[in-house]
Amino acid sequence: MVYTNQVMTSPTGFIEVKLPVGGNVLAHTVNARWLMMRASKAKNEGVLRALDVPGLPPGFETKYTIGDDGLH
């Protein structure tokens, strides 16, 4: 099943029926789940913990920093 963000209205009497017409896919299957932790929002560094990541043991941790140009 694919969910999209575009519908078409087909009015029939007092009931308005909306039919899917295609568009952008809104849902994808997730391949990896990570937990992002920071001590506080004031700090730009934290730890990523693997919850369900193929090829990594559960609980694997790595450090990250948040910069003006993204996540490092």
PDB file of N, CA and C in Angstrom:
ATOM      1  N   MET A   1       0.842  -1.166   0.000  1.00  0.00           N
ATOM      2  CA  MET A   1       0.000   0.000   0.000  1.00  0.00           C
ATOM      3  C   MET A   1       0.891   1.234   0.000  1.00  0.00           C
ATOM      4  N   VAL A   2       0.538   2.214  -0.797  1.00  0.00           N
ATOM      5  CA  VAL A   2       1.294   3.466  -0.898  1.00  0.00           C
ATOM      6  C   VAL A   2       0.366   4.610  -0.531  1.00  0.00           C
ATOM      7  N   TYR A   3       0.819   5.489   0.345  1.00  0.00           N
ATOM      8  CA  TYR A   3       0.051   6.676   0.719  1.00  0.00           C
ATOM      9  C   TYR A   3       0.633   7.886   0.005  1.00  0.00           C
ATOM     10  N   THR A   4      -0.228   8.712  -0.553  1.00  0.00           N
ATOM     11  CA  THR A   4       0.224   9.924  -1.229  1.00  0.00           C
ATOM     12  C   THR A   4      -0.441  11.135  -0.589  1.00  0.00           C
ATOM     13  N   ASN A   5       0.034  12.310  -0.956  1.00  0.00           N
ATOM     14  CA  ASN A   5      -0.517  13.543  -0.394  1.00  0.00           C
ATOM     15  C   ASN A   5      -1.414  14.278  -1.389  1.00  0.00           C
ATOM     16  N   GLN A   6      -1.886  13.611  -2.433  1.00  0.00           N
ATOM     17  CA  GLN A   6      -2.751  14.258  -3.409  1.00  0.00           C
ATOM     18  C   GLN A   6      -4.041  13.457  -3.564  1.00  0.00           C
ATOM     19  N   VAL A   7      -5.174  14.148  -3.525  1.00  0.00           N
ATOM     20  CA  VAL A   7      -6.468  13.502  -3.714  1.00  0.00           C
ATOM     21  C   VAL A   7      -7.297  14.323  -4.696  1.00  0.00           C
ATOM     22  N   MET A   8      -8.324  13.689  -5.241  1.00  0.00           N
ATOM     23  CA  MET A   8      -9.224  14.340  -6.178  1.00  0.00           C
ATOM     24  C   MET A   8     -10.632  14.286  -5.581  1.00  0.00           C
ATOM     25  N   THR A   9     -11.350  15.399  -5.605  1.00  0.00           N
ATOM     26  CA  THR A   9     -12.704  15.438  -5.072  1.00  0.00           C
ATOM     27  C   THR A   9     -13.690  15.031  -6.146  1.00  0.00           C
ATOM     28  N   SER A  10     -14.631  14.172  -5.781  1.00  0.00           N
ATOM     29  CA  SER A  10     -15.695  13.731  -6.682  1.00  0.00           C
ATOM     30  C   SER A  10     -17.016  13.912  -5.956  1.00  0.00           C
ATOM     31  N   PRO A  11     -17.635  15.136  -6.021  1.00  0.00           N
ATOM     32  CA  PRO A  11     -18.877  15.383  -5.284  1.00  0.00           C
ATOM     33  C   PRO A  11     -20.041  14.581  -5.853  1.00  0.00           C
ATOM     34  N   THR A  12     -20.753  13.905  -4.952  1.00  0.00           N
ATOM     35  CA  THR A  12     -21.939  13.133  -5.355  1.00  0.00           C
ATOM     36  C   THR A  12     -23.035  13.421  -4.339  1.00  0.00           C
ATOM     37  N   GLY A  13     -23.889  14.372  -4.629  1.00  0.00           N
ATOM     38  CA  GLY A  13     -24.979  14.723  -3.721  1.00  0.00           C
ATOM     39  C   GLY A  13     -24.467  15.418  -2.472  1.00  0.00           C
ATOM     40  N   PHE A  14     -24.822  14.891  -1.306  1.00  0.00           N
ATOM     41  CA  PHE A  14     -24.425  15.513  -0.039  1.00  0.00           C
ATOM     42  C   PHE A  14     -23.102  14.967   0.487  1.00  0.00           C
ATOM     43  N   ILE A  15     -22.565  13.902  -0.127  1.00  0.00           N
ATOM     44  CA  ILE A  15     -21.321  13.280   0.340  1.00  0.00           C
ATOM     45  C   ILE A  15     -20.207  13.614  -0.638  1.00  0.00           C
ATOM     46  N   GLU A  16     -19.094  14.116  -0.124  1.00  0.00           N
ATOM     47  CA  GLU A  16     -17.941  14.425  -0.957  1.00  0.00           C
ATOM     48  C   GLU A  16     -16.958  13.271  -0.860  1.00  0.00           C
ATOM     49  N   VAL A  17     -16.695  12.605  -1.979  1.00  0.00           N
ATOM     50  CA  VAL A  17     -15.798  11.451  -2.016  1.00  0.00           C
ATOM     51  C   VAL A  17     -14.441  11.910  -2.524  1.00  0.00           C
ATOM     52  N   LYS A  18     -13.374  11.528  -1.818  1.00  0.00           N
ATOM     53  CA  LYS A  18     -12.024  11.870  -2.247  1.00  0.00           C
ATOM     54  C   LYS A  18     -11.327  10.609  -2.730  1.00  0.00           C
ATOM     55  N   LEU A  19     -10.756  10.683  -3.933  1.00  0.00           N
ATOM     56  CA  LEU A  19     -10.080   9.547  -4.545  1.00  0.00           C
ATOM     57  C   LEU A  19      -8.597   9.863  -4.728  1.00  0.00           C
ATOM     58  N   PRO A  20      -7.701   8.901  -4.489  1.00  0.00           N
ATOM     59  CA  PRO A  20      -6.279   9.163  -4.703  1.00  0.00           C
ATOM     60  C   PRO A  20      -5.970   9.315  -6.194  1.00  0.00           C
ATOM     61  N   VAL A  21      -5.084  10.257  -6.525  1.00  0.00           N
ATOM     62  CA  VAL A  21      -4.698  10.484  -7.917  1.00  0.00           C
ATOM     63  C   VAL A  21      -3.193  10.352  -8.123  1.00  0.00           C
ATOM     64  N   GLY A  22      -2.424   9.931  -7.113  1.00  0.00           N
ATOM     65  CA  GLY A  22      -0.973   9.825  -7.237  1.00  0.00           C
ATOM     66  C   GLY A  22      -0.300  10.939  -6.478  1.00  0.00           C
ATOM     67  N   GLY A  23       0.953  11.136  -6.718  1.00  0.00           N
ATOM     68  CA  GLY A  23       1.674  12.222  -6.059  1.00  0.00           C
ATOM     69  C   GLY A  23       2.909  11.736  -5.340  1.00  0.00           C
ATOM     70  N   ASN A  24       3.306  12.456  -4.310  1.00  0.00           N
ATOM     71  CA  ASN A  24       4.519  12.139  -3.558  1.00  0.00           C
ATOM     72  C   ASN A  24       4.239  11.036  -2.540  1.00  0.00           C
ATOM     73  N   VAL A  25       5.167  10.111  -2.401  1.00  0.00           N
ATOM     74  CA  VAL A  25       5.027   9.042  -1.421  1.00  0.00           C
ATOM     75  C   VAL A  25       5.316   9.621  -0.041  1.00  0.00           C
ATOM     76  N   LEU A  26       4.412   9.383   0.915  1.00  0.00           N
ATOM     77  CA  LEU A  26       4.565   9.929   2.257  1.00  0.00           C
ATOM     78  C   LEU A  26       5.159   8.945   3.253  1.00  0.00           C
ATOM     79  N   ALA A  27       5.176   7.666   2.938  1.00  0.00           N
ATOM     80  CA  ALA A  27       5.677   6.675   3.888  1.00  0.00           C
ATOM     81  C   ALA A  27       6.691   5.770   3.209  1.00  0.00           C
ATOM     82  N   HIS A  28       7.745   5.468   3.903  1.00  0.00           N
ATOM     83  CA  HIS A  28       8.787   4.566   3.429  1.00  0.00           C
ATOM     84  C   HIS A  28       9.095   3.572   4.541  1.00  0.00           C
ATOM     85  N   THR A  29       9.672   2.468   4.177  1.00  0.00           N
ATOM     86  CA  THR A  29      10.111   1.506   5.171  1.00  0.00           C
ATOM     87  C   THR A  29      11.411   1.996   5.781  1.00  0.00           C
ATOM     88  N   VAL A  30      11.514   1.926   7.091  1.00  0.00           N
ATOM     89  CA  VAL A  30      12.713   2.382   7.795  1.00  0.00           C
ATOM     90  C   VAL A  30      13.703   1.232   7.869  1.00  0.00           C
ATOM     91  N   ASN A  31      14.965   1.498   7.496  1.00  0.00           N
ATOM     92  CA  ASN A  31      16.004   0.475   7.548  1.00  0.00           C
ATOM     93  C   ASN A  31      16.812   0.542   8.830  1.00  0.00           C
ATOM     94  N   ALA A  32      16.852   1.684   9.467  1.00  0.00           N
ATOM     95  CA  ALA A  32      17.665   1.847  10.678  1.00  0.00           C
ATOM     96  C   ALA A  32      16.939   2.761  11.659  1.00  0.00           C
ATOM     97  N   ARG A  33      17.053   2.443  12.952  1.00  0.00           N
ATOM     98  CA  ARG A  33      16.480   3.293  13.995  1.00  0.00           C
ATOM     99  C   ARG A  33      17.588   3.667  14.964  1.00  0.00           C
ATOM    100  N   TRP A  34      17.756   4.960  15.195  1.00  0.00           N
ATOM    101  CA  TRP A  34      18.765   5.507  16.098  1.00  0.00           C
ATOM    102  C   TRP A  34      18.081   6.329  17.182  1.00  0.00           C
ATOM    103  N   LEU A  35      18.693   6.400  18.338  1.00  0.00           N
ATOM    104  CA  LEU A  35      18.243   7.267  19.425  1.00  0.00           C
ATOM    105  C   LEU A  35      19.259   8.389  19.550  1.00  0.00           C
ATOM    106  N   MET A  36      18.817   9.655  19.371  1.00  0.00           N
ATOM    107  CA  MET A  36      19.705  10.809  19.510  1.00  0.00           C
ATOM    108  C   MET A  36      19.533  11.385  20.906  1.00  0.00           C
ATOM    109  N   MET A  37      20.658  11.531  21.624  1.00  0.00           N
ATOM    110  CA  MET A  37      20.611  12.051  22.990  1.00  0.00           C
ATOM    111  C   MET A  37      21.563  13.236  23.118  1.00  0.00           C
ATOM    112  N   ARG A  38      21.075  14.283  23.793  1.00  0.00           N
ATOM    113  CA  ARG A  38      21.897  15.457  24.127  1.00  0.00           C
ATOM    114  C   ARG A  38      21.643  15.806  25.581  1.00  0.00           C
ATOM    115  N   ALA A  39      22.679  16.251  26.259  1.00  0.00           N
ATOM    116  CA  ALA A  39      22.533  16.631  27.665  1.00  0.00           C
ATOM    117  C   ALA A  39      21.567  17.811  27.802  1.00  0.00           C
ATOM    118  N   SER A  40      21.667  18.782  26.889  1.00  0.00           N
ATOM    119  CA  SER A  40      20.761  19.933  26.892  1.00  0.00           C
ATOM    120  C   SER A  40      20.753  20.545  25.494  1.00  0.00           C
ATOM    121  N   LYS A  41      19.741  21.351  25.219  1.00  0.00           N
ATOM    122  CA  LYS A  41      19.668  22.004  23.911  1.00  0.00           C
ATOM    123  C   LYS A  41      20.748  23.064  23.748  1.00  0.00           C
ATOM    124  N   ALA A  42      21.329  23.501  24.853  1.00  0.00           N
ATOM    125  CA  ALA A  42      22.384  24.511  24.794  1.00  0.00           C
ATOM    126  C   ALA A  42      23.680  23.929  24.236  1.00  0.00           C
ATOM    127  N   LYS A  43      23.883  22.614  24.382  1.00  0.00           N
ATOM    128  CA  LYS A  43      25.106  21.970  23.881  1.00  0.00           C
ATOM    129  C   LYS A  43      24.881  21.456  22.472  1.00  0.00           C
ATOM    130  N   ASN A  44      25.890  21.602  21.626  1.00  0.00           N
ATOM    131  CA  ASN A  44      25.802  21.165  20.234  1.00  0.00           C
ATOM    132  C   ASN A  44      26.434  19.800  20.016  1.00  0.00           C
ATOM    133  N   GLU A  45      26.513  18.992  21.044  1.00  0.00           N
ATOM    134  CA  GLU A  45      27.093  17.660  20.903  1.00  0.00           C
ATOM    135  C   GLU A  45      26.238  16.652  21.650  1.00  0.00           C
ATOM    136  N   GLY A  46      26.317  15.405  21.212  1.00  0.00           N
ATOM    137  CA  GLY A  46      25.519  14.371  21.849  1.00  0.00           C
ATOM    138  C   GLY A  46      25.973  12.990  21.426  1.00  0.00           C
ATOM    139  N   VAL A  47      25.125  11.986  21.688  1.00  0.00           N
ATOM    140  CA  VAL A  47      25.445  10.593  21.404  1.00  0.00           C
ATOM    141  C   VAL A  47      24.298   9.982  20.596  1.00  0.00           C
ATOM    142  N   LEU A  48      24.645   9.229  19.554  1.00  0.00           N
ATOM    143  CA  LEU A  48      23.700   8.434  18.782  1.00  0.00           C
ATOM    144  C   LEU A  48      23.817   6.997  19.259  1.00  0.00           C
ATOM    145  N   ARG A  49      22.690   6.371  19.611  1.00  0.00           N
ATOM    146  CA  ARG A  49      22.701   4.974  20.043  1.00  0.00           C
ATOM    147  C   ARG A  49      21.897   4.147  19.038  1.00  0.00           C
ATOM    148  N   ALA A  50      22.509   3.064  18.538  1.00  0.00           N
ATOM    149  CA  ALA A  50      21.836   2.180  17.588  1.00  0.00           C
ATOM    150  C   ALA A  50      20.769   1.378  18.303  1.00  0.00           C
ATOM    151  N   LEU A  51      19.509   1.486  17.839  1.00  0.00           N
ATOM    152  CA  LEU A  51      18.423   0.689  18.390  1.00  0.00           C
ATOM    153  C   LEU A  51      18.167  -0.532  17.515  1.00  0.00           C
ATOM    154  N   ASP A  52      18.067  -0.311  16.218  1.00  0.00           N
ATOM    155  CA  ASP A  52      17.827  -1.397  15.268  1.00  0.00           C
ATOM    156  C   ASP A  52      18.493  -1.010  13.957  1.00  0.00           C
ATOM    157  N   VAL A  53      19.788  -1.314  13.832  1.00  0.00           N
ATOM    158  CA  VAL A  53      20.576  -0.935  12.664  1.00  0.00           C
ATOM    159  C   VAL A  53      21.222  -2.192  12.093  1.00  0.00           C
ATOM    160  N   PRO A  54      20.949  -2.523  10.824  1.00  0.00           N
ATOM    161  CA  PRO A  54      21.582  -3.698  10.232  1.00  0.00           C
ATOM    162  C   PRO A  54      23.107  -3.581  10.246  1.00  0.00           C
ATOM    163  N   GLY A  55      23.784  -4.622  10.708  1.00  0.00           N
ATOM    164  CA  GLY A  55      25.246  -4.635  10.721  1.00  0.00           C
ATOM    165  C   GLY A  55      25.874  -4.078  11.977  1.00  0.00           C
ATOM    166  N   LEU A  56      25.078  -3.511  12.885  1.00  0.00           N
ATOM    167  CA  LEU A  56      25.616  -2.972  14.138  1.00  0.00           C
ATOM    168  C   LEU A  56      24.917  -3.638  15.312  1.00  0.00           C
ATOM    169  N   PRO A  57      25.660  -3.895  16.392  1.00  0.00           N
ATOM    170  CA  PRO A  57      25.012  -4.488  17.563  1.00  0.00           C
ATOM    171  C   PRO A  57      24.114  -3.472  18.260  1.00  0.00           C
ATOM    172  N   PRO A  58      23.004  -3.916  18.852  1.00  0.00           N
ATOM    173  CA  PRO A  58      22.145  -2.992  19.608  1.00  0.00           C
ATOM    174  C   PRO A  58      22.949  -2.344  20.734  1.00  0.00           C
ATOM    175  N   GLY A  59      22.766  -1.045  20.909  1.00  0.00           N
ATOM    176  CA  GLY A  59      23.478  -0.323  21.953  1.00  0.00           C
ATOM    177  C   GLY A  59      24.780   0.312  21.485  1.00  0.00           C
ATOM    178  N   PHE A  60      25.188   0.072  20.225  1.00  0.00           N
ATOM    179  CA  PHE A  60      26.386   0.718  19.682  1.00  0.00           C
ATOM    180  C   PHE A  60      26.201   2.225  19.760  1.00  0.00           C
ATOM    181  N   GLU A  61      27.214   2.947  20.210  1.00  0.00           N
ATOM    182  CA  GLU A  61      27.115   4.400  20.359  1.00  0.00           C
ATOM    183  C   GLU A  61      28.211   5.112  19.588  1.00  0.00           C
ATOM    184  N   THR A  62      27.887   6.279  19.079  1.00  0.00           N
ATOM    185  CA  THR A  62      28.858   7.147  18.435  1.00  0.00           C
ATOM    186  C   THR A  62      28.511   8.592  18.777  1.00  0.00           C
ATOM    187  N   LYS A  63      29.510   9.442  18.847  1.00  0.00           N
ATOM    188  CA  LYS A  63      29.302  10.855  19.201  1.00  0.00           C
ATOM    189  C   LYS A  63      28.999  11.669  17.949  1.00  0.00           C
ATOM    190  N   TYR A  64      28.249  12.750  18.122  1.00  0.00           N
ATOM    191  CA  TYR A  64      27.957  13.659  17.022  1.00  0.00           C
ATOM    192  C   TYR A  64      28.007  15.094  17.510  1.00  0.00           C
ATOM    193  N   THR A  65      28.185  16.018  16.570  1.00  0.00           N
ATOM    194  CA  THR A  65      28.107  17.451  16.865  1.00  0.00           C
ATOM    195  C   THR A  65      27.192  18.083  15.813  1.00  0.00           C
ATOM    196  N   ILE A  66      26.534  19.154  16.215  1.00  0.00           N
ATOM    197  CA  ILE A  66      25.646  19.884  15.324  1.00  0.00           C
ATOM    198  C   ILE A  66      26.334  21.192  14.960  1.00  0.00           C
ATOM    199  N   GLY A  67      26.589  21.390  13.678  1.00  0.00           N
ATOM    200  CA  GLY A  67      27.224  22.609  13.199  1.00  0.00           C
ATOM    201  C   GLY A  67      26.255  23.413  12.351  1.00  0.00           C
ATOM    202  N   ASP A  68      26.703  24.576  11.885  1.00  0.00           N
ATOM    203  CA  ASP A  68      25.881  25.423  11.036  1.00  0.00           C
ATOM    204  C   ASP A  68      25.560  24.731   9.706  1.00  0.00           C
ATOM    205  N   ASP A  69      26.435  23.795   9.283  1.00  0.00           N
ATOM    206  CA  ASP A  69      26.247  23.124   8.006  1.00  0.00           C
ATOM    207  C   ASP A  69      25.657  21.722   8.147  1.00  0.00           C
ATOM    208  N   GLY A  70      25.195  21.346   9.354  1.00  0.00           N
ATOM    209  CA  GLY A  70      24.534  20.053   9.529  1.00  0.00           C
ATOM    210  C   GLY A  70      25.122  19.212  10.651  1.00  0.00           C
ATOM    211  N   LEU A  71      24.859  17.917  10.570  1.00  0.00           N
ATOM    212  CA  LEU A  71      25.269  16.952  11.585  1.00  0.00           C
ATOM    213  C   LEU A  71      26.614  16.367  11.210  1.00  0.00           C
ATOM    214  N   HIS A  72      27.545  16.276  12.184  1.00  0.00           N
ATOM    215  CA  HIS A  72      28.882  15.705  11.949  1.00  0.00           C
ATOM    216  C   HIS A  72      29.122  14.573  12.912  1.00  0.00           C
TER     217      HIS A  72
END
